[in-house]
Amino acid sequence: MSKPVWILPAELRAELDKRWQRGQILTESLAPSGLFPLRIPLKPPSPAQLAADFAAAQAWVEHWLAVEAKHFAVEWRDINHRLSGRNRLPAAVVFDQPDDAAAYLKKAKELAVFGQLAASLVDDFAALRSWLVKYPLRALEHADEWQKLLSVAGCVVEHPRPGIYLRQISLPGIDSKFIESRKKLLGEWLDLLLPAVAIDTSQTGVAGFEARYGFLAKPATIRFRLLDSRLRIAGLSDLTVTASEFATLNLPVRWVFVTENDINGLAFPPFADSMVIFGRGYGFDALAQAEWLKDKEIHYWGDIDTHGFAILSQFRQHFPQAQSLLMDEATLIAHRSQWVEEASPINAELAFLTAEEAALYDVLRDHRYGRGVRLEQEYVSFALLSERLAALGLAAGGEDA
């Protein structure tokens, strides 16, 4: 028979702390739900256990008799047994109020601070009480900056969808870094405080904070190189402009190359009537604003791995005329010594690949050449690039060597 385990006074703190860590004690101080009086059963020895190990049970009772129950009451229960006779055992401890439980855990200060935070949520901030009840421990984590957070939230409520950068919010002792690092919490608050018309619900997460609440966001930028010296802009061939500016350029190029690797973009050889755009992985909404690209001959060069083909498929949703460059099985086989392992291959169905691309994608996701085979584009030889460009019929030149 296994030795019975009965809660000792020293273990009561751990039992109660579980409730603190769930935020229950803090929440009950603000929005009572009937948890208090809080009764924690001690699971005293049964008559059979008393008979089997009376000495151990008696020692356990002695521990509870010695307790100075300052913040809780001990419930006692009498049981009778034909061998051990009548015995009085501790059955449970009872904390009358959240204050008692917090004091026992030496959390009285935290409970008092929580009460102060709740007291601050009046008038325009009353809607935040539901957040406080739901996230009491998070509230305590931000107690030292609570008033600053309320100031920021109040400023946005007073001036909804302000059309300015976060940097332009002018509040004493609050800088843009403070706001930037607390977007998640502020977003939860603003969703409760602002009217529905002031929230763009299509924008979500920290990345969508500015657009969701009507702030100006750092504009997306596009970097490109003009591969023909005759096309330079004010003598410049390597430029980075905002997506909206790029959309207005309407450059007189015939061929457009897109590469995900910056060094490949910088080293891309000169060709007449051509440009190279530096890609940025998933997400081509900014580039898609440039309607003038829709009638250009576009060649996309990415890594040969499952994510590389996923990015190509996504790119082709915006530019269906795009052709892949050096993303074929012959290129993969020719660079076997440069293969590495793709950390997290995907297995999604990709709808915008050609039959040849889809076949190679299947080879990769089925691991026919090995687990997670990957050829990064920077390892593809530039001699092969030159051959492939020549095969496309592009005329070299147009930029000074």
Protein backbone atom coordinates (compact mmCIF):
# COMPACT_ATOMS: atom_id res chain seq x y z
CA MET A 1 0.00 0.00 0.00
CA SER A 2 1.44 3.38 -1.03
CA LYS A 3 2.08 5.94 1.63
CA PRO A 4 -0.78 8.49 1.74
CA VAL A 5 0.00 12.11 0.92
CA TRP A 6 -1.84 14.71 2.95
CA ILE A 7 -1.40 18.46 2.49
CA LEU A 8 0.93 19.95 5.07
CA PRO A 9 0.75 23.59 6.20
CA ALA A 10 3.95 24.31 4.28
CA GLU A 11 2.31 22.99 1.09
CA LEU A 12 -0.80 25.12 1.41
CA ARG A 13 1.01 28.13 -0.05
CA ALA A 14 1.71 26.25 -3.29
CA GLU A 15 -1.94 25.22 -3.56
CA LEU A 16 -3.11 28.79 -3.10
CA ASP A 17 -0.42 30.19 -5.41
CA LYS A 18 -1.90 28.20 -8.30
CA ARG A 19 -5.03 30.29 -7.95
CA TRP A 20 -2.98 33.48 -7.82
CA GLN A 21 -1.10 32.55 -10.98
CA ARG A 22 -4.43 32.02 -12.75
CA GLY A 23 -5.42 35.54 -11.71
CA GLN A 24 -8.41 34.28 -9.72
CA ILE A 25 -7.64 36.05 -6.46
CA LEU A 26 -7.07 39.40 -8.15
CA THR A 27 -10.18 39.03 -10.29
CA GLU A 28 -12.36 38.10 -7.31
CA SER A 29 -11.33 41.32 -5.57
CA LEU A 30 -12.82 43.29 -8.45
CA ALA A 31 -15.62 41.10 -9.79
CA PRO A 32 -16.71 38.49 -7.20
CA SER A 33 -18.05 35.32 -8.74
CA GLY A 34 -18.60 33.29 -5.57
CA LEU A 35 -15.11 31.81 -5.25
CA PHE A 36 -14.79 33.28 -1.76
CA PRO A 37 -15.02 32.13 0.92
CA LEU A 38 -12.34 29.94 -0.68
CA ARG A 39 -12.28 26.44 0.75
CA ILE A 40 -9.23 24.26 0.08
CA PRO A 41 -9.80 20.61 1.07
CA LEU A 42 -6.96 18.93 2.95
CA LYS A 43 -8.11 15.39 2.17
CA PRO A 44 -7.65 14.04 5.71
CA PRO A 45 -6.93 10.37 6.44
CA SER A 46 -9.79 7.96 5.96
CA PRO A 47 -10.73 5.58 8.80
CA ALA A 48 -8.86 2.83 6.97
CA GLN A 49 -5.73 4.99 6.67
CA LEU A 50 -5.97 5.86 10.39
CA ALA A 51 -6.03 2.20 11.25
CA ALA A 52 -3.20 1.36 8.84
CA ASP A 53 -0.79 4.11 9.90
CA PHE A 54 -2.11 5.89 12.96
CA ALA A 55 1.29 7.36 13.88
CA ALA A 56 1.71 9.07 10.49
CA ALA A 57 -1.82 10.45 10.62
CA GLN A 58 -1.31 11.72 14.15
CA ALA A 59 1.92 13.46 13.14
CA TRP A 60 0.08 15.15 10.26
CA VAL A 61 -2.64 16.39 12.64
CA GLU A 62 0.04 17.76 14.99
CA HIS A 63 1.36 19.95 12.16
CA TRP A 64 -2.06 21.55 11.75
CA LEU A 65 -2.56 21.96 15.50
CA ALA A 66 0.64 24.00 15.60
CA VAL A 67 -0.41 26.36 12.80
CA GLU A 68 -1.10 29.97 13.67
CA ALA A 69 -4.07 30.50 11.38
CA LYS A 70 -3.85 34.27 11.02
CA HIS A 71 -5.28 34.62 7.52
CA PHE A 72 -7.50 31.55 7.29
CA ALA A 73 -9.67 29.27 9.38
CA VAL A 74 -9.18 25.53 9.75
CA GLU A 75 -12.25 23.32 9.49
CA TRP A 76 -12.13 20.25 11.75
CA ARG A 77 -14.08 17.03 11.40
CA ASP A 78 -14.70 14.25 13.92
CA ILE A 79 -14.57 10.64 12.76
CA ASN A 80 -15.04 7.44 14.70
CA HIS A 81 -13.36 4.11 14.11
CA ARG A 82 -13.81 0.90 16.01
CA LEU A 83 -10.04 0.50 16.45
CA SER A 84 -8.70 4.05 16.72
CA GLY A 85 -11.77 5.52 18.37
CA ARG A 86 -12.90 9.14 17.97
CA ASN A 87 -10.45 11.44 16.17
CA ARG A 88 -10.61 15.12 15.28
CA LEU A 89 -9.00 15.83 11.92
CA PRO A 90 -8.43 19.03 9.89
CA ALA A 91 -10.69 18.79 6.83
CA ALA A 92 -10.09 22.09 4.98
CA VAL A 93 -8.80 25.62 5.29
CA VAL A 94 -11.02 28.57 4.45
CA PHE A 95 -9.97 32.05 3.25
CA ASP A 96 -12.87 34.43 3.78
CA GLN A 97 -11.79 37.21 1.39
CA PRO A 98 -9.27 37.82 -1.41
CA ASP A 99 -7.42 40.09 1.05
CA ASP A 100 -6.82 37.11 3.33
CA ALA A 101 -5.47 34.95 0.52
CA ALA A 102 -3.21 37.73 -0.77
CA ALA A 103 -1.88 38.45 2.71
CA TYR A 104 -1.09 34.76 3.27
CA LEU A 105 0.83 34.71 -0.03
CA LYS A 106 2.60 37.97 0.91
CA LYS A 107 0.88 39.59 -2.07
CA ALA A 108 -1.03 42.25 -0.16
CA LYS A 109 0.91 45.03 -1.90
CA GLU A 110 0.11 43.62 -5.34
CA LEU A 111 -3.56 43.33 -4.47
CA ALA A 112 -3.59 46.94 -3.29
CA VAL A 113 -1.91 48.09 -6.51
CA PHE A 114 -4.47 46.14 -8.53
CA GLY A 115 -7.22 47.96 -6.66
CA GLN A 116 -5.61 51.29 -7.55
CA LEU A 117 -5.45 50.32 -11.22
CA ALA A 118 -9.14 49.43 -11.14
CA ALA A 119 -9.98 52.72 -9.42
CA SER A 120 -8.29 54.63 -12.26
CA LEU A 121 -10.66 53.18 -14.86
CA VAL A 122 -13.48 55.68 -14.61
CA ASP A 123 -15.32 57.88 -17.08
CA ASP A 124 -13.76 57.45 -20.55
CA PHE A 125 -11.79 54.39 -19.44
CA ALA A 126 -14.60 52.43 -17.80
CA ALA A 127 -14.70 50.05 -20.77
CA LEU A 128 -11.27 48.76 -19.77
CA ARG A 129 -12.57 47.12 -16.62
CA SER A 130 -13.47 44.02 -18.63
CA TRP A 131 -9.85 43.85 -19.83
CA LEU A 132 -8.61 44.22 -16.26
CA VAL A 133 -10.81 41.35 -15.10
CA LYS A 134 -9.58 39.15 -17.95
CA TYR A 135 -5.87 39.97 -17.65
CA PRO A 136 -5.17 40.87 -13.98
CA LEU A 137 -1.56 39.64 -13.95
CA ARG A 138 -0.72 41.48 -17.17
CA ALA A 139 -2.16 44.62 -15.61
CA LEU A 140 0.21 44.28 -12.64
CA GLU A 141 3.15 43.87 -15.03
CA HIS A 142 2.32 47.31 -16.45
CA ALA A 143 1.43 48.97 -13.15
CA ASP A 144 4.46 51.30 -13.17
CA GLU A 145 3.53 52.67 -16.60
CA TRP A 146 -0.24 52.50 -16.22
CA GLN A 147 -0.82 56.24 -16.35
CA LYS A 148 1.36 56.59 -19.45
CA LEU A 149 -0.63 53.88 -21.18
CA LEU A 150 -3.88 55.58 -20.25
CA SER A 151 -2.51 58.86 -21.61
CA VAL A 152 -1.70 57.29 -24.97
CA ALA A 153 -5.06 55.53 -25.18
CA GLY A 154 -6.87 58.69 -24.13
CA CYS A 155 -5.07 60.70 -26.79
CA VAL A 156 -6.21 58.31 -29.52
CA VAL A 157 -9.77 58.26 -28.18
CA GLU A 158 -9.82 62.05 -28.24
CA HIS A 159 -8.36 62.16 -31.77
CA PRO A 160 -9.50 58.95 -33.55
CA ARG A 161 -7.77 58.02 -36.81
CA PRO A 162 -5.40 60.99 -36.51
CA GLY A 163 -3.52 60.46 -39.78
CA ILE A 164 -0.10 61.10 -38.20
CA TYR A 165 2.95 58.98 -37.42
CA LEU A 166 3.25 57.53 -33.91
CA ARG A 167 6.40 59.65 -33.65
CA GLN A 168 4.21 62.74 -33.79
CA ILE A 169 2.20 61.94 -30.66
CA SER A 170 3.21 64.63 -28.19
CA LEU A 171 2.64 63.59 -24.57
CA PRO A 172 4.85 64.45 -21.57
CA GLY A 173 7.38 61.72 -20.81
CA ILE A 174 6.20 59.45 -23.63
CA ASP A 175 8.24 58.76 -26.75
CA SER A 176 7.50 56.71 -29.85
CA LYS A 177 9.62 53.79 -28.63
CA PHE A 178 7.34 53.45 -25.60
CA ILE A 179 4.31 53.22 -27.89
CA GLU A 180 5.98 50.96 -30.46
CA SER A 181 6.92 48.37 -27.83
CA ARG A 182 3.40 48.28 -26.37
CA LYS A 183 1.29 48.04 -29.50
CA LYS A 184 -0.26 44.71 -28.54
CA LEU A 185 -1.63 45.95 -25.22
CA LEU A 186 -2.66 49.34 -26.60
CA GLY A 187 -4.44 47.59 -29.46
CA GLU A 188 -6.47 45.51 -27.02
CA TRP A 189 -7.45 48.67 -25.17
CA LEU A 190 -8.30 50.70 -28.26
CA ASP A 191 -10.56 47.92 -29.52
CA LEU A 192 -12.60 48.42 -26.35
CA LEU A 193 -12.44 52.21 -26.20
CA LEU A 194 -12.92 53.34 -29.80
CA PRO A 195 -16.17 53.34 -31.75
CA ALA A 196 -16.37 50.70 -34.46
CA VAL A 197 -16.11 53.29 -37.25
CA ALA A 198 -12.66 54.28 -35.99
CA ILE A 199 -11.22 50.76 -36.35
CA ASP A 200 -10.19 49.12 -39.62
CA THR A 201 -10.85 45.52 -38.64
CA SER A 202 -9.21 44.19 -41.81
CA GLN A 203 -5.85 45.14 -40.27
CA THR A 204 -4.69 42.86 -37.49
CA GLY A 205 -1.72 42.19 -35.24
CA VAL A 206 1.16 44.41 -34.25
CA ALA A 207 2.16 44.90 -37.90
CA GLY A 208 -1.28 46.28 -38.70
CA PHE A 209 -1.50 48.61 -35.68
CA GLU A 210 -1.07 51.87 -37.60
CA ALA A 211 -3.53 51.02 -40.34
CA ARG A 212 -6.08 49.61 -37.87
CA TYR A 213 -6.25 52.82 -35.83
CA GLY A 214 -5.60 55.40 -38.53
CA PHE A 215 -1.93 56.24 -38.08
CA LEU A 216 0.56 56.69 -40.88
CA ALA A 217 2.83 53.67 -41.25
CA LYS A 218 6.38 53.53 -42.50
CA PRO A 219 5.89 53.19 -46.26
CA ALA A 220 6.94 50.03 -48.04
CA THR A 221 10.01 50.62 -50.19
CA ILE A 222 11.26 48.99 -53.38
CA ARG A 223 14.90 48.77 -54.37
CA PHE A 224 15.88 48.34 -58.00
CA ARG A 225 18.86 48.64 -60.36
CA LEU A 226 18.70 49.89 -63.91
CA LEU A 227 20.81 47.54 -66.03
CA ASP A 228 20.92 49.91 -68.97
CA SER A 229 22.96 53.09 -68.44
CA ARG A 230 20.65 54.95 -70.85
CA LEU A 231 17.80 54.54 -68.34
CA ARG A 232 19.54 56.07 -65.35
CA ILE A 233 17.55 58.58 -63.32
CA ALA A 234 19.55 61.74 -62.59
CA GLY A 235 22.65 59.62 -63.17
CA LEU A 236 21.58 56.99 -60.61
CA SER A 237 21.26 53.29 -61.36
CA ASP A 238 20.64 51.82 -57.87
CA LEU A 239 17.62 53.40 -56.19
CA THR A 240 15.22 52.75 -53.32
CA VAL A 241 11.85 54.50 -53.48
CA THR A 242 8.50 54.14 -51.78
CA ALA A 243 5.98 51.78 -53.33
CA SER A 244 3.72 54.68 -54.28
CA GLU A 245 6.62 56.47 -56.00
CA PHE A 246 7.63 53.28 -57.80
CA ALA A 247 4.08 52.92 -59.06
CA THR A 248 4.35 56.27 -60.86
CA LEU A 249 7.71 55.65 -62.58
CA ASN A 250 6.52 53.71 -65.65
CA LEU A 251 10.11 53.03 -66.67
CA PRO A 252 10.72 52.34 -70.38
CA VAL A 253 12.12 48.85 -69.82
CA ARG A 254 11.25 45.70 -71.69
CA TRP A 255 12.65 43.06 -69.32
CA VAL A 256 12.31 42.99 -65.54
CA PHE A 257 14.22 40.59 -63.30
CA VAL A 258 13.32 39.93 -59.69
CA THR A 259 15.83 38.28 -57.37
CA GLU A 260 15.57 37.55 -53.66
CA ASN A 261 19.30 37.80 -52.96
CA ASP A 262 20.77 41.31 -52.60
CA ILE A 263 24.23 40.34 -53.87
CA ASN A 264 22.68 38.74 -56.93
CA GLY A 265 20.83 41.98 -57.52
CA LEU A 266 24.00 44.02 -57.17
CA ALA A 267 26.04 41.70 -59.41
CA PHE A 268 23.37 41.20 -62.06
CA PRO A 269 25.05 41.79 -65.45
CA PRO A 270 24.16 44.78 -67.63
CA PHE A 271 21.52 44.33 -70.31
CA ALA A 272 19.78 46.72 -72.61
CA ASP A 273 16.25 47.82 -71.74
CA SER A 274 16.35 45.92 -68.44
CA MET A 275 16.13 46.38 -64.70
CA VAL A 276 16.45 44.13 -61.65
CA ILE A 277 14.20 44.43 -58.59
CA PHE A 278 15.36 43.27 -55.16
CA GLY A 279 12.70 40.95 -53.79
CA ARG A 280 11.76 40.56 -50.13
CA GLY A 281 10.27 37.07 -49.84
CA TYR A 282 6.55 36.63 -49.29
CA GLY A 283 4.29 39.60 -49.87
CA PHE A 284 4.11 41.50 -53.15
CA ASP A 285 1.27 43.92 -52.49
CA ALA A 286 3.62 46.91 -52.68
CA LEU A 287 5.08 45.81 -56.01
CA ALA A 288 1.63 45.05 -57.39
CA GLN A 289 0.74 48.74 -57.13
CA ALA A 290 2.93 49.34 -60.19
CA GLU A 291 0.44 48.70 -62.98
CA TRP A 292 3.08 49.49 -65.57
CA LEU A 293 4.83 46.22 -64.71
CA LYS A 294 1.83 44.22 -65.92
CA ASP A 295 2.90 44.39 -69.59
CA LYS A 296 6.63 43.80 -69.01
CA GLU A 297 8.46 40.53 -69.55
CA ILE A 298 9.26 39.46 -65.98
CA HIS A 299 11.69 36.76 -64.85
CA TYR A 300 11.66 35.70 -61.19
CA TRP A 301 14.78 34.13 -59.63
CA GLY A 302 14.40 32.52 -56.23
CA ASP A 303 15.82 29.66 -54.18
CA ILE A 304 15.13 26.11 -55.30
CA ASP A 305 13.28 24.79 -52.27
CA THR A 306 9.64 24.45 -51.23
CA HIS A 307 9.41 28.02 -49.93
CA GLY A 308 11.08 29.34 -53.08
CA PHE A 309 8.32 27.83 -55.21
CA ALA A 310 5.65 29.05 -52.78
CA ILE A 311 6.99 32.59 -53.18
CA LEU A 312 7.07 32.17 -56.97
CA SER A 313 3.45 30.99 -56.92
CA GLN A 314 2.43 33.99 -54.83
CA PHE A 315 4.36 36.35 -57.12
CA ARG A 316 2.59 34.94 -60.16
CA GLN A 317 -0.80 35.75 -58.65
CA HIS A 318 0.10 39.41 -59.16
CA PHE A 319 2.14 38.95 -62.33
CA PRO A 320 0.79 35.93 -64.22
CA GLN A 321 3.18 36.52 -67.13
CA ALA A 322 6.24 35.96 -64.89
CA GLN A 323 8.67 33.22 -65.88
CA SER A 324 11.02 31.50 -63.45
CA LEU A 325 14.74 31.86 -63.93
CA LEU A 326 17.25 29.18 -62.87
CA MET A 327 14.59 27.38 -60.82
CA ASP A 328 14.64 24.09 -62.73
CA GLU A 329 15.84 20.55 -62.11
CA ALA A 330 18.88 20.91 -64.38
CA THR A 331 20.13 23.85 -62.29
CA LEU A 332 19.50 21.89 -59.09
CA ILE A 333 21.41 18.81 -60.28
CA ALA A 334 24.31 20.91 -61.60
CA HIS A 335 24.90 22.32 -58.09
CA ARG A 336 24.56 19.16 -55.99
CA SER A 337 27.64 20.04 -53.91
CA GLN A 338 25.98 23.29 -52.82
CA TRP A 339 22.79 21.71 -51.49
CA VAL A 340 21.80 22.48 -47.91
CA GLU A 341 18.81 21.35 -45.85
CA GLU A 342 15.66 23.47 -45.78
CA ALA A 343 14.78 23.97 -42.11
CA SER A 344 10.98 23.82 -42.38
CA PRO A 345 9.76 22.54 -45.75
CA ILE A 346 6.14 23.16 -46.63
CA ASN A 347 3.69 20.75 -48.24
CA ALA A 348 0.95 23.10 -49.44
CA GLU A 349 -0.72 22.87 -52.83
CA LEU A 350 0.55 25.69 -55.07
CA ALA A 351 -1.85 26.79 -57.77
CA PHE A 352 0.32 29.13 -59.83
CA LEU A 353 3.22 26.96 -60.98
CA THR A 354 3.87 25.67 -64.48
CA ALA A 355 3.82 21.91 -65.03
CA GLU A 356 7.63 21.76 -64.95
CA GLU A 357 7.84 23.87 -61.78
CA ALA A 358 5.11 21.84 -60.10
CA ALA A 359 6.96 18.61 -60.94
CA LEU A 360 10.16 19.87 -59.30
CA TYR A 361 8.19 21.18 -56.32
CA ASP A 362 6.75 17.67 -55.89
CA VAL A 363 10.27 16.20 -56.03
CA LEU A 364 11.35 18.54 -53.25
CA ARG A 365 8.34 18.16 -50.95
CA ASP A 366 8.41 14.36 -51.39
CA HIS A 367 12.14 14.39 -50.44
CA ARG A 368 13.08 12.28 -53.48
CA TYR A 369 16.62 13.69 -53.46
CA GLY A 370 16.87 13.65 -49.68
CA ARG A 371 15.33 15.42 -46.72
CA GLY A 372 14.61 19.13 -47.33
CA VAL A 373 16.93 19.65 -50.30
CA ARG A 374 17.61 23.33 -50.88
CA LEU A 375 19.74 25.24 -53.37
CA GLU A 376 20.09 28.89 -52.43
CA GLN A 377 20.25 31.21 -55.41
CA GLU A 378 23.56 32.78 -54.34
CA TYR A 379 25.27 29.43 -54.99
CA VAL A 380 24.17 29.25 -58.62
CA SER A 381 27.13 29.98 -60.88
CA PHE A 382 27.09 33.30 -62.69
CA ALA A 383 28.40 31.57 -65.79
CA LEU A 384 25.14 29.62 -65.88
CA LEU A 385 23.20 32.85 -65.37
CA SER A 386 24.95 34.41 -68.36
CA GLU A 387 24.18 31.35 -70.48
CA ARG A 388 20.53 31.40 -69.47
CA LEU A 389 20.22 35.14 -70.20
CA ALA A 390 21.81 34.65 -73.59
CA ALA A 391 19.32 31.87 -74.29
CA LEU A 392 16.53 34.33 -73.56
CA GLY A 393 17.88 36.44 -76.40
CA LEU A 394 18.74 39.44 -74.23
CA ALA A 395 21.37 41.76 -75.64
CA ALA A 396 24.30 42.36 -73.31
CA GLY A 397 25.37 45.92 -72.84
CA GLY A 398 23.62 49.17 -72.16
CA GLU A 399 25.64 49.90 -69.00
CA ASP A 400 29.20 51.02 -68.70
CA ALA A 401 31.56 48.35 -67.41
